[in-house]
PDB file of N, CA and C in Angstrom:
ATOM      1  N   MET A   1       2.753 -43.019 -23.138  1.00  0.00           N
ATOM      2  CA  MET A   1       2.770 -42.492 -21.612  1.00  0.00           C
ATOM      3  C   MET A   1       1.676 -43.282 -20.856  1.00  0.00           C
ATOM      4  N   GLY A   2       2.399 -42.987 -19.647  1.00  0.00           N
ATOM      5  CA  GLY A   2       1.571 -44.022 -18.597  1.00  0.00           C
ATOM      6  C   GLY A   2      -0.029 -42.623 -18.245  1.00  0.00           C
ATOM      7  N   LYS A   3      -0.770 -43.315 -17.157  1.00  0.00           N
ATOM      8  CA  LYS A   3      -1.839 -42.301 -16.964  1.00  0.00           C
ATOM      9  C   LYS A   3      -2.516 -43.204 -15.703  1.00  0.00           C
ATOM     10  N   PHE A   4      -2.655 -42.140 -14.784  1.00  0.00           N
ATOM     11  CA  PHE A   4      -3.315 -42.257 -13.314  1.00  0.00           C
ATOM     12  C   PHE A   4      -4.416 -42.234 -13.878  1.00  0.00           C
ATOM     13  N   ILE A   5      -5.402 -43.222 -12.627  1.00  0.00           N
ATOM     14  CA  ILE A   5      -6.799 -43.221 -13.455  1.00  0.00           C
ATOM     15  C   ILE A   5      -7.409 -43.320 -12.038  1.00  0.00           C
ATOM     16  N   ILE A   6      -7.907 -42.262 -11.615  1.00  0.00           N
ATOM     17  CA  ILE A   6      -8.789 -41.934 -10.067  1.00  0.00           C
ATOM     18  C   ILE A   6      -9.981 -42.876  -9.866  1.00  0.00           C
ATOM     19  N   LYS A   7     -10.170 -43.232  -8.458  1.00  0.00           N
ATOM     20  CA  LYS A   7     -11.631 -44.556  -9.254  1.00  0.00           C
ATOM     21  C   LYS A   7     -12.086 -44.301  -7.429  1.00  0.00           C
ATOM     22  N   THR A   8     -13.638 -44.114  -8.459  1.00  0.00           N
ATOM     23  CA  THR A   8     -14.249 -44.129  -6.208  1.00  0.00           C
ATOM     24  C   THR A   8     -15.132 -44.664  -6.196  1.00  0.00           C
ATOM     25  N   ALA A   9     -15.232 -45.894  -4.983  1.00  0.00           N
ATOM     26  CA  ALA A   9     -15.184 -47.141  -4.606  1.00  0.00           C
ATOM     27  C   ALA A   9     -16.862 -46.919  -4.277  1.00  0.00           C
ATOM     28  N   LYS A  10     -17.481 -48.077  -3.703  1.00  0.00           N
ATOM     29  CA  LYS A  10     -18.860 -48.296  -3.679  1.00  0.00           C
ATOM     30  C   LYS A  10     -19.197 -47.621  -2.255  1.00  0.00           C
ATOM     31  N   ASP A  11     -17.757 -47.408  -1.457  1.00  0.00           N
ATOM     32  CA  ASP A  11     -18.027 -46.897  -0.180  1.00  0.00           C
ATOM     33  C   ASP A  11     -17.864 -45.694  -0.492  1.00  0.00           C
ATOM     34  N   GLY A  12     -17.688 -44.818  -1.062  1.00  0.00           N
ATOM     35  CA  GLY A  12     -17.147 -43.501  -1.693  1.00  0.00           C
ATOM     36  C   GLY A  12     -15.654 -43.137  -1.172  1.00  0.00           C
ATOM     37  N   GLN A  13     -14.902 -44.368  -1.399  1.00  0.00           N
ATOM     38  CA  GLN A  13     -13.394 -43.808  -0.526  1.00  0.00           C
ATOM     39  C   GLN A  13     -12.766 -44.177  -2.199  1.00  0.00           C
ATOM     40  N   HIS A  14     -11.503 -43.401  -2.377  1.00  0.00           N
ATOM     41  CA  HIS A  14     -11.202 -43.426  -3.643  1.00  0.00           C
ATOM     42  C   HIS A  14      -9.655 -43.945  -3.740  1.00  0.00           C
ATOM     43  N   TYR A  15      -9.512 -44.036  -4.794  1.00  0.00           N
ATOM     44  CA  TYR A  15      -8.068 -45.175  -4.962  1.00  0.00           C
ATOM     45  C   TYR A  15      -7.638 -44.564  -6.716  1.00  0.00           C
ATOM     46  N   PHE A  16      -6.748 -45.117  -6.699  1.00  0.00           N
ATOM     47  CA  PHE A  16      -5.972 -44.934  -8.391  1.00  0.00           C
ATOM     48  C   PHE A  16      -5.364 -46.444  -8.773  1.00  0.00           C
ATOM     49  N   ASN A  17      -4.983 -46.307 -10.181  1.00  0.00           N
ATOM     50  CA  ASN A  17      -3.942 -46.775 -10.699  1.00  0.00           C
ATOM     51  C   ASN A  17      -3.313 -46.439 -11.771  1.00  0.00           C
ATOM     52  N   LEU A  18      -2.281 -46.915 -11.792  1.00  0.00           N
ATOM     53  CA  LEU A  18      -1.577 -46.342 -13.046  1.00  0.00           C
ATOM     54  C   LEU A  18      -1.200 -47.416 -14.034  1.00  0.00           C
ATOM     55  N   LYS A  19      -1.716 -47.370 -15.227  1.00  0.00           N
ATOM     56  CA  LYS A  19      -1.495 -47.644 -16.441  1.00  0.00           C
ATOM     57  C   LYS A  19      -0.417 -47.535 -17.090  1.00  0.00           C
ATOM     58  N   ALA A  20       0.313 -48.570 -17.846  1.00  0.00           N
ATOM     59  CA  ALA A  20       1.288 -47.938 -18.459  1.00  0.00           C
ATOM     60  C   ALA A  20       0.559 -47.687 -19.846  1.00  0.00           C
ATOM     61  N   ASN A  21       1.347 -47.615 -21.265  1.00  0.00           N
ATOM     62  CA  ASN A  21       1.074 -47.324 -22.691  1.00  0.00           C
ATOM     63  C   ASN A  21       0.037 -47.938 -23.120  1.00  0.00           C
ATOM     64  N   ASN A  22       0.279 -49.373 -22.656  1.00  0.00           N
ATOM     65  CA  ASN A  22      -0.674 -50.451 -23.068  1.00  0.00           C
ATOM     66  C   ASN A  22      -1.879 -50.983 -22.736  1.00  0.00           C
ATOM     67  N   GLY A  23      -2.114 -49.859 -21.693  1.00  0.00           N
ATOM     68  CA  GLY A  23      -3.618 -50.034 -20.869  1.00  0.00           C
ATOM     69  C   GLY A  23      -3.379 -51.160 -19.408  1.00  0.00           C
ATOM     70  N   GLN A  24      -2.342 -51.202 -19.399  1.00  0.00           N
ATOM     71  CA  GLN A  24      -2.191 -52.546 -18.331  1.00  0.00           C
ATOM     72  C   GLN A  24      -1.556 -51.990 -16.821  1.00  0.00           C
ATOM     73  N   THR A  25      -2.957 -52.353 -16.115  1.00  0.00           N
ATOM     74  CA  THR A  25      -2.071 -51.621 -14.696  1.00  0.00           C
ATOM     75  C   THR A  25      -0.853 -51.983 -14.049  1.00  0.00           C
ATOM     76  N   ILE A  26      -0.074 -51.085 -13.818  1.00  0.00           N
ATOM     77  CA  ILE A  26       1.192 -51.132 -13.186  1.00  0.00           C
ATOM     78  C   ILE A  26       1.200 -51.470 -11.457  1.00  0.00           C
ATOM     79  N   LEU A  27       0.306 -50.236 -11.911  1.00  0.00           N
ATOM     80  CA  LEU A  27       0.547 -49.940  -9.725  1.00  0.00           C
ATOM     81  C   LEU A  27      -0.843 -49.624  -9.418  1.00  0.00           C
ATOM     82  N   SER A  28      -1.215 -49.801  -8.255  1.00  0.00           N
ATOM     83  CA  SER A  28      -2.214 -49.587  -7.866  1.00  0.00           C
ATOM     84  C   SER A  28      -2.463 -49.453  -6.361  1.00  0.00           C
ATOM     85  N   SER A  29      -2.925 -47.915  -5.760  1.00  0.00           N
ATOM     86  CA  SER A  29      -2.985 -47.316  -4.031  1.00  0.00           C
ATOM     87  C   SER A  29      -4.225 -48.325  -3.758  1.00  0.00           C
ATOM     88  N   GLU A  30      -3.985 -48.218  -2.197  1.00  0.00           N
ATOM     89  CA  GLU A  30      -4.730 -48.283  -1.181  1.00  0.00           C
ATOM     90  C   GLU A  30      -5.665 -47.398  -1.358  1.00  0.00           C
ATOM     91  N   MET A  31      -6.684 -47.560   0.003  1.00  0.00           N
ATOM     92  CA  MET A  31      -7.944 -46.790  -0.225  1.00  0.00           C
ATOM     93  C   MET A  31      -7.937 -45.296   0.524  1.00  0.00           C
ATOM     94  N   TYR A  32      -8.141 -44.260  -0.259  1.00  0.00           N
ATOM     95  CA  TYR A  32      -7.685 -42.997   0.569  1.00  0.00           C
ATOM     96  C   TYR A  32      -9.911 -41.916   0.830  1.00  0.00           C
ATOM     97  N   THR A  33      -9.420 -41.906   1.848  1.00  0.00           N
ATOM     98  CA  THR A  33     -10.844 -41.354   2.261  1.00  0.00           C
ATOM     99  C   THR A  33     -11.551 -40.096   1.353  1.00  0.00           C
ATOM    100  N   THR A  34     -10.319 -39.099   1.014  1.00  0.00           N
ATOM    101  CA  THR A  34     -10.768 -38.107   0.726  1.00  0.00           C
ATOM    102  C   THR A  34     -10.144 -37.669  -1.040  1.00  0.00           C
ATOM    103  N   LYS A  35     -10.702 -37.214  -1.744  1.00  0.00           N
ATOM    104  CA  LYS A  35     -10.027 -37.431  -3.333  1.00  0.00           C
ATOM    105  C   LYS A  35      -8.563 -36.595  -3.330  1.00  0.00           C
ATOM    106  N   SER A  36      -8.586 -35.584  -2.163  1.00  0.00           N
ATOM    107  CA  SER A  36      -7.504 -34.708  -2.128  1.00  0.00           C
ATOM    108  C   SER A  36      -6.368 -35.770  -2.015  1.00  0.00           C
ATOM    109  N   ALA A  37      -6.223 -36.526  -0.882  1.00  0.00           N
ATOM    110  CA  ALA A  37      -5.647 -37.550   0.137  1.00  0.00           C
ATOM    111  C   ALA A  37      -4.972 -38.335  -1.129  1.00  0.00           C
ATOM    112  N   CYS A  38      -5.952 -39.092  -1.993  1.00  0.00           N
ATOM    113  CA  CYS A  38      -6.096 -39.623  -3.153  1.00  0.00           C
ATOM    114  C   CYS A  38      -4.213 -38.776  -4.145  1.00  0.00           C
ATOM    115  N   ASN A  39      -5.184 -37.722  -4.229  1.00  0.00           N
ATOM    116  CA  ASN A  39      -4.235 -36.445  -5.627  1.00  0.00           C
ATOM    117  C   ASN A  39      -2.681 -36.831  -4.676  1.00  0.00           C
ATOM    118  N   ASN A  40      -2.555 -36.477  -3.670  1.00  0.00           N
ATOM    119  CA  ASN A  40      -1.125 -36.660  -2.882  1.00  0.00           C
ATOM    120  C   ASN A  40      -0.194 -37.764  -2.744  1.00  0.00           C
ATOM    121  N   GLY A  41      -1.748 -38.950  -3.236  1.00  0.00           N
ATOM    122  CA  GLY A  41      -0.825 -40.338  -3.174  1.00  0.00           C
ATOM    123  C   GLY A  41       0.003 -40.202  -4.521  1.00  0.00           C
ATOM    124  N   ILE A  42      -0.692 -39.692  -5.522  1.00  0.00           N
ATOM    125  CA  ILE A  42      -0.232 -39.472  -6.715  1.00  0.00           C
ATOM    126  C   ILE A  42       0.747 -39.028  -7.089  1.00  0.00           C
ATOM    127  N   ASP A  43       0.902 -37.877  -6.371  1.00  0.00           N
ATOM    128  CA  ASP A  43       2.582 -36.879  -6.252  1.00  0.00           C
ATOM    129  C   ASP A  43       3.547 -37.727  -5.714  1.00  0.00           C
ATOM    130  N   SER A  44       2.932 -38.347  -4.532  1.00  0.00           N
ATOM    131  CA  SER A  44       3.926 -39.304  -4.002  1.00  0.00           C
ATOM    132  C   SER A  44       4.366 -40.154  -4.859  1.00  0.00           C
ATOM    133  N   VAL A  45       3.933 -40.905  -5.548  1.00  0.00           N
ATOM    134  CA  VAL A  45       3.893 -41.609  -6.654  1.00  0.00           C
ATOM    135  C   VAL A  45       5.327 -41.344  -7.451  1.00  0.00           C
ATOM    136  N   LYS A  46       4.719 -39.875  -7.860  1.00  0.00           N
ATOM    137  CA  LYS A  46       5.516 -39.701  -9.116  1.00  0.00           C
ATOM    138  C   LYS A  46       6.988 -38.752  -8.565  1.00  0.00           C
ATOM    139  N   LYS A  47       7.116 -38.539  -7.259  1.00  0.00           N
ATOM    140  CA  LYS A  47       8.127 -38.073  -6.814  1.00  0.00           C
ATOM    141  C   LYS A  47       9.295 -39.406  -6.305  1.00  0.00           C
ATOM    142  N   ASN A  48       8.741 -40.261  -5.763  1.00  0.00           N
ATOM    143  CA  ASN A  48       9.482 -41.792  -5.406  1.00  0.00           C
ATOM    144  C   ASN A  48       9.620 -42.676  -6.647  1.00  0.00           C
ATOM    145  N   ALA A  49       8.703 -42.744  -7.685  1.00  0.00           N
ATOM    146  CA  ALA A  49       8.969 -43.763  -8.555  1.00  0.00           C
ATOM    147  C   ALA A  49      10.333 -43.851  -9.157  1.00  0.00           C
ATOM    148  N   PRO A  50      11.208 -42.473  -9.612  1.00  0.00           N
ATOM    149  CA  PRO A  50      12.614 -42.334 -10.375  1.00  0.00           C
ATOM    150  C   PRO A  50      13.676 -43.680  -9.125  1.00  0.00           C
ATOM    151  N   ASP A  51      13.369 -43.267  -8.067  1.00  0.00           N
ATOM    152  CA  ASP A  51      14.502 -43.988  -7.078  1.00  0.00           C
ATOM    153  C   ASP A  51      14.233 -45.471  -6.901  1.00  0.00           C
ATOM    154  N   GLU A  52      15.465 -46.246  -7.302  1.00  0.00           N
ATOM    155  CA  GLU A  52      15.130 -47.485  -7.432  1.00  0.00           C
ATOM    156  C   GLU A  52      14.835 -48.288  -5.810  1.00  0.00           C
ATOM    157  N   ASN A  53      15.749 -47.573  -4.970  1.00  0.00           N
ATOM    158  CA  ASN A  53      15.957 -47.824  -3.757  1.00  0.00           C
ATOM    159  C   ASN A  53      14.319 -47.728  -2.942  1.00  0.00           C
ATOM    160  N   ARG A  54      13.338 -47.428  -3.897  1.00  0.00           N
ATOM    161  CA  ARG A  54      11.996 -47.513  -2.857  1.00  0.00           C
ATOM    162  C   ARG A  54      10.995 -48.419  -3.128  1.00  0.00           C
ATOM    163  N   TYR A  55      11.467 -49.565  -3.863  1.00  0.00           N
ATOM    164  CA  TYR A  55      10.549 -50.669  -4.116  1.00  0.00           C
ATOM    165  C   TYR A  55      10.887 -51.624  -3.529  1.00  0.00           C
ATOM    166  N   GLU A  56      10.149 -52.126  -2.861  1.00  0.00           N
ATOM    167  CA  GLU A  56      10.510 -54.010  -2.212  1.00  0.00           C
ATOM    168  C   GLU A  56      10.038 -54.569  -3.239  1.00  0.00           C
ATOM    169  N   LYS A  57      10.889 -55.594  -3.497  1.00  0.00           N
ATOM    170  CA  LYS A  57      10.881 -57.149  -4.062  1.00  0.00           C
ATOM    171  C   LYS A  57      10.285 -57.875  -3.412  1.00  0.00           C
ATOM    172  N   LEU A  58       8.833 -58.570  -3.502  1.00  0.00           N
ATOM    173  CA  LEU A  58       8.301 -59.607  -2.513  1.00  0.00           C
ATOM    174  C   LEU A  58       7.780 -60.939  -3.228  1.00  0.00           C
ATOM    175  N   VAL A  59       7.578 -61.676  -2.943  1.00  0.00           N
ATOM    176  CA  VAL A  59       7.270 -63.250  -3.313  1.00  0.00           C
ATOM    177  C   VAL A  59       6.153 -63.845  -2.487  1.00  0.00           C
ATOM    178  N   ALA A  60       4.408 -64.016  -3.389  1.00  0.00           N
ATOM    179  CA  ALA A  60       3.559 -63.869  -2.479  1.00  0.00           C
ATOM    180  C   ALA A  60       4.115 -65.795  -2.452  1.00  0.00           C
ATOM    181  N   LYS A  61       2.658 -66.169  -1.055  1.00  0.00           N
ATOM    182  CA  LYS A  61       2.593 -67.231  -0.624  1.00  0.00           C
ATOM    183  C   LYS A  61       2.721 -68.557  -1.756  1.00  0.00           C
ATOM    184  N   ASN A  62       1.427 -68.081  -2.884  1.00  0.00           N
ATOM    185  CA  ASN A  62       1.461 -68.909  -4.063  1.00  0.00           C
ATOM    186  C   ASN A  62       2.891 -68.914  -5.400  1.00  0.00           C
ATOM    187  N   GLY A  63       3.904 -68.107  -5.034  1.00  0.00           N
ATOM    188  CA  GLY A  63       4.937 -68.145  -5.392  1.00  0.00           C
ATOM    189  C   GLY A  63       5.262 -67.055  -6.417  1.00  0.00           C
ATOM    190  N   GLN A  64       4.142 -66.137  -6.468  1.00  0.00           N
ATOM    191  CA  GLN A  64       3.837 -64.959  -7.583  1.00  0.00           C
ATOM    192  C   GLN A  64       4.717 -64.095  -7.074  1.00  0.00           C
ATOM    193  N   HIS A  65       5.507 -62.968  -7.917  1.00  0.00           N
ATOM    194  CA  HIS A  65       6.210 -61.852  -7.658  1.00  0.00           C
ATOM    195  C   HIS A  65       5.573 -60.568  -7.778  1.00  0.00           C
ATOM    196  N   TYR A  66       5.921 -59.445  -7.002  1.00  0.00           N
ATOM    197  CA  TYR A  66       5.028 -58.211  -6.906  1.00  0.00           C
ATOM    198  C   TYR A  66       5.980 -57.479  -6.400  1.00  0.00           C
ATOM    199  N   PHE A  67       5.560 -56.022  -6.267  1.00  0.00           N
ATOM    200  CA  PHE A  67       6.650 -55.420  -5.322  1.00  0.00           C
ATOM    201  C   PHE A  67       5.847 -54.342  -4.928  1.00  0.00           C
ATOM    202  N   ASN A  68       6.553 -53.853  -3.631  1.00  0.00           N
ATOM    203  CA  ASN A  68       5.459 -52.376  -3.323  1.00  0.00           C
ATOM    204  C   ASN A  68       6.248 -51.318  -3.396  1.00  0.00           C
ATOM    205  N   LEU A  69       6.012 -49.694  -3.767  1.00  0.00           N
ATOM    206  CA  LEU A  69       6.496 -48.548  -3.870  1.00  0.00           C
ATOM    207  C   LEU A  69       6.318 -48.177  -2.183  1.00  0.00           C
ATOM    208  N   LYS A  70       7.307 -47.689  -2.216  1.00  0.00           N
ATOM    209  CA  LYS A  70       7.077 -47.038  -0.659  1.00  0.00           C
ATOM    210  C   LYS A  70       7.734 -45.406  -0.512  1.00  0.00           C
ATOM    211  N   ALA A  71       7.135 -44.506   0.282  1.00  0.00           N
ATOM    212  CA  ALA A  71       7.879 -43.233  -0.233  1.00  0.00           C
ATOM    213  C   ALA A  71       9.166 -43.759   1.048  1.00  0.00           C
ATOM    214  N   SER A  72       9.220 -42.266   1.399  1.00  0.00           N
ATOM    215  CA  SER A  72      10.687 -41.981   2.191  1.00  0.00           C
ATOM    216  C   SER A  72      10.324 -42.241   3.768  1.00  0.00           C
ATOM    217  N   ASN A  73       9.146 -42.578   3.832  1.00  0.00           N
ATOM    218  CA  ASN A  73       8.683 -42.494   5.621  1.00  0.00           C
ATOM    219  C   ASN A  73       8.590 -44.017   5.611  1.00  0.00           C
ATOM    220  N   GLY A  74       9.138 -44.890   4.425  1.00  0.00           N
ATOM    221  CA  GLY A  74       8.768 -46.319   4.385  1.00  0.00           C
ATOM    222  C   GLY A  74       7.044 -46.964   4.419  1.00  0.00           C
ATOM    223  N   GLN A  75       6.294 -45.727   4.223  1.00  0.00           N
ATOM    224  CA  GLN A  75       4.839 -46.439   4.297  1.00  0.00           C
ATOM    225  C   GLN A  75       4.612 -46.464   2.636  1.00  0.00           C
ATOM    226  N   VAL A  76       3.973 -47.465   2.121  1.00  0.00           N
ATOM    227  CA  VAL A  76       3.678 -48.115   0.909  1.00  0.00           C
ATOM    228  C   VAL A  76       2.524 -47.092   0.235  1.00  0.00           C
ATOM    229  N   ILE A  77       3.245 -46.378  -0.603  1.00  0.00           N
ATOM    230  CA  ILE A  77       2.244 -45.504  -1.773  1.00  0.00           C
ATOM    231  C   ILE A  77       1.594 -46.482  -2.859  1.00  0.00           C
ATOM    232  N   GLY A  78       2.170 -48.178  -3.085  1.00  0.00           N
ATOM    233  CA  GLY A  78       1.561 -48.358  -4.212  1.00  0.00           C
ATOM    234  C   GLY A  78       2.018 -49.836  -4.428  1.00  0.00           C
ATOM    235  N   THR A  79       1.081 -50.916  -5.030  1.00  0.00           N
ATOM    236  CA  THR A  79       1.551 -52.395  -4.801  1.00  0.00           C
ATOM    237  C   THR A  79       1.141 -52.818  -6.527  1.00  0.00           C
ATOM    238  N   SER A  80       2.041 -53.580  -7.002  1.00  0.00           N
ATOM    239  CA  SER A  80       2.335 -53.814  -8.500  1.00  0.00           C
ATOM    240  C   SER A  80       0.828 -55.228  -8.605  1.00  0.00           C
ATOM    241  N   GLU A  81       0.865 -55.854  -9.688  1.00  0.00           N
ATOM    242  CA  GLU A  81      -0.072 -56.573  -9.817  1.00  0.00           C
ATOM    243  C   GLU A  81       1.021 -57.863  -9.996  1.00  0.00           C
ATOM    244  N   MET A  82       0.303 -58.987  -9.906  1.00  0.00           N
ATOM    245  CA  MET A  82       1.102 -60.085  -9.466  1.00  0.00           C
ATOM    246  C   MET A  82       1.605 -60.766 -11.184  1.00  0.00           C
ATOM    247  N   TYR A  83       3.111 -61.410 -10.415  1.00  0.00           N
ATOM    248  CA  TYR A  83       3.914 -61.423 -12.078  1.00  0.00           C
ATOM    249  C   TYR A  83       4.267 -63.035 -11.534  1.00  0.00           C
ATOM    250  N   GLU A  84       4.645 -63.483 -13.007  1.00  0.00           N
ATOM    251  CA  GLU A  84       4.831 -65.436 -13.017  1.00  0.00           C
ATOM    252  C   GLU A  84       6.353 -65.409 -12.681  1.00  0.00           C
ATOM    253  N   SER A  85       7.108 -64.188 -12.595  1.00  0.00           N
ATOM    254  CA  SER A  85       8.339 -64.260 -12.781  1.00  0.00           C
ATOM    255  C   SER A  85       9.262 -63.259 -12.045  1.00  0.00           C
ATOM    256  N   SER A  86      10.353 -63.189 -11.530  1.00  0.00           N
ATOM    257  CA  SER A  86      11.236 -61.902 -11.105  1.00  0.00           C
ATOM    258  C   SER A  86      11.324 -61.044 -12.078  1.00  0.00           C
ATOM    259  N   SER A  87      11.639 -62.021 -13.037  1.00  0.00           N
ATOM    260  CA  SER A  87      11.952 -60.739 -14.508  1.00  0.00           C
ATOM    261  C   SER A  87      10.670 -59.796 -15.242  1.00  0.00           C
ATOM    262  N   GLY A  88       9.255 -60.574 -14.991  1.00  0.00           N
ATOM    263  CA  GLY A  88       7.834 -59.829 -15.437  1.00  0.00           C
ATOM    264  C   GLY A  88       8.169 -58.511 -14.093  1.00  0.00           C
ATOM    265  N   ARG A  89       8.304 -58.929 -12.847  1.00  0.00           N
ATOM    266  CA  ARG A  89       8.250 -57.969 -11.660  1.00  0.00           C
ATOM    267  C   ARG A  89       9.062 -56.642 -12.171  1.00  0.00           C
ATOM    268  N   ASP A  90      10.691 -57.171 -12.277  1.00  0.00           N
ATOM    269  CA  ASP A  90      11.606 -56.088 -12.509  1.00  0.00           C
ATOM    270  C   ASP A  90      10.768 -55.542 -13.974  1.00  0.00           C
ATOM    271  N   ASN A  91      10.585 -55.987 -14.570  1.00  0.00           N
ATOM    272  CA  ASN A  91       9.801 -55.463 -15.613  1.00  0.00           C
ATOM    273  C   ASN A  91       9.078 -54.142 -15.322  1.00  0.00           C
ATOM    274  N   GLY A  92       8.011 -54.861 -14.690  1.00  0.00           N
ATOM    275  CA  GLY A  92       7.157 -53.960 -13.964  1.00  0.00           C
ATOM    276  C   GLY A  92       7.336 -52.807 -13.426  1.00  0.00           C
ATOM    277  N   ILE A  93       8.728 -52.635 -12.577  1.00  0.00           N
ATOM    278  CA  ILE A  93       9.202 -51.691 -11.987  1.00  0.00           C
ATOM    279  C   ILE A  93      10.117 -50.731 -12.474  1.00  0.00           C
ATOM    280  N   ASP A  94      10.449 -51.503 -14.015  1.00  0.00           N
ATOM    281  CA  ASP A  94      11.060 -50.415 -14.898  1.00  0.00           C
ATOM    282  C   ASP A  94       9.797 -49.146 -15.804  1.00  0.00           C
ATOM    283  N   SER A  95       8.835 -50.007 -15.714  1.00  0.00           N
ATOM    284  CA  SER A  95       7.811 -49.651 -16.121  1.00  0.00           C
ATOM    285  C   SER A  95       6.956 -48.449 -15.166  1.00  0.00           C
ATOM    286  N   VAL A  96       7.104 -48.882 -14.329  1.00  0.00           N
ATOM    287  CA  VAL A  96       6.502 -47.683 -13.346  1.00  0.00           C
ATOM    288  C   VAL A  96       7.509 -46.476 -13.128  1.00  0.00           C
ATOM    289  N   ILE A  97       8.991 -47.016 -12.901  1.00  0.00           N
ATOM    290  CA  ILE A  97      10.019 -45.684 -13.198  1.00  0.00           C
ATOM    291  C   ILE A  97       9.849 -45.090 -14.409  1.00  0.00           C
ATOM    292  N   GLU A  98       9.397 -45.392 -15.788  1.00  0.00           N
ATOM    293  CA  GLU A  98       9.299 -44.973 -16.755  1.00  0.00           C
ATOM    294  C   GLU A  98       8.156 -43.918 -17.160  1.00  0.00           C
ATOM    295  N   ASN A  99       7.035 -44.433 -16.793  1.00  0.00           N
ATOM    296  CA  ASN A  99       6.143 -44.025 -16.631  1.00  0.00           C
ATOM    297  C   ASN A  99       5.080 -42.882 -15.936  1.00  0.00           C
ATOM    298  N   ALA A 100       5.798 -43.095 -14.438  1.00  0.00           N
ATOM    299  CA  ALA A 100       5.014 -42.571 -13.357  1.00  0.00           C
ATOM    300  C   ALA A 100       5.225 -41.172 -13.162  1.00  0.00           C
ATOM    301  N   PRO A 101       6.639 -40.872 -13.471  1.00  0.00           N
ATOM    302  CA  PRO A 101       6.764 -39.204 -13.305  1.00  0.00           C
ATOM    303  C   PRO A 101       6.309 -38.246 -14.278  1.00  0.00           C
ATOM    304  N   THR A 102       5.866 -38.732 -15.173  1.00  0.00           N
ATOM    305  CA  THR A 102       5.270 -38.016 -16.501  1.00  0.00           C
ATOM    306  C   THR A 102       3.543 -38.243 -16.613  1.00  0.00           C
ATOM    307  N   ALA A 103       3.116 -39.536 -16.209  1.00  0.00           N
ATOM    308  CA  ALA A 103       1.741 -39.494 -16.312  1.00  0.00           C
ATOM    309  C   ALA A 103       0.720 -38.857 -15.978  1.00  0.00           C
ATOM    310  N   THR A 104      -0.224 -38.507 -16.730  1.00  0.00           N
ATOM    311  CA  THR A 104      -1.547 -37.660 -16.458  1.00  0.00           C
ATOM    312  C   THR A 104      -2.419 -38.385 -15.289  1.00  0.00           C
ATOM    313  N   VAL A 105      -3.000 -37.666 -15.156  1.00  0.00           N
ATOM    314  CA  VAL A 105      -3.936 -37.769 -14.074  1.00  0.00           C
ATOM    315  C   VAL A 105      -5.565 -37.362 -14.624  1.00  0.00           C
ATOM    316  N   GLU A 106      -6.734 -39.095 -14.770  1.00  0.00           N
ATOM    317  CA  GLU A 106      -7.982 -38.899 -15.085  1.00  0.00           C
ATOM    318  C   GLU A 106      -8.782 -39.309 -13.925  1.00  0.00           C
ATOM    319  N   GLU A 107     -10.013 -38.818 -14.198  1.00  0.00           N
ATOM    320  CA  GLU A 107     -10.942 -39.338 -13.241  1.00  0.00           C
ATOM    321  C   GLU A 107     -11.921 -40.562 -14.059  1.00  0.00           C
ATOM    322  N   GLU A 108     -12.390 -41.100 -13.251  1.00  0.00           N
ATOM    323  CA  GLU A 108     -13.498 -42.076 -14.225  1.00  0.00           C
ATOM    324  C   GLU A 108     -14.782 -42.782 -13.282  1.00  0.00           C
TER     325      GLU A 108
END
């Protein structure tokens, strides 16, 4: 089962990473000014992750593949790591779909 890890940046802002069963980070959030807002972001990921239409598949300038998970209002709520191939990216999306809805939340 996956898990969300909430962290606090040096400037006091909060962010989360979604990690798969193997410990690999599969989705990272933006910075939030409060822990409450960070938790709302996690709730949004859990809600939107199962909907394949919420994923925006992208290619970086260096040719690597990645994706954004968007909320119903179009706001990006998570960004993936970089992948060498589109199939790797698609596997990452599948992992978010599988792990996010039931992931536990931990603070680091």
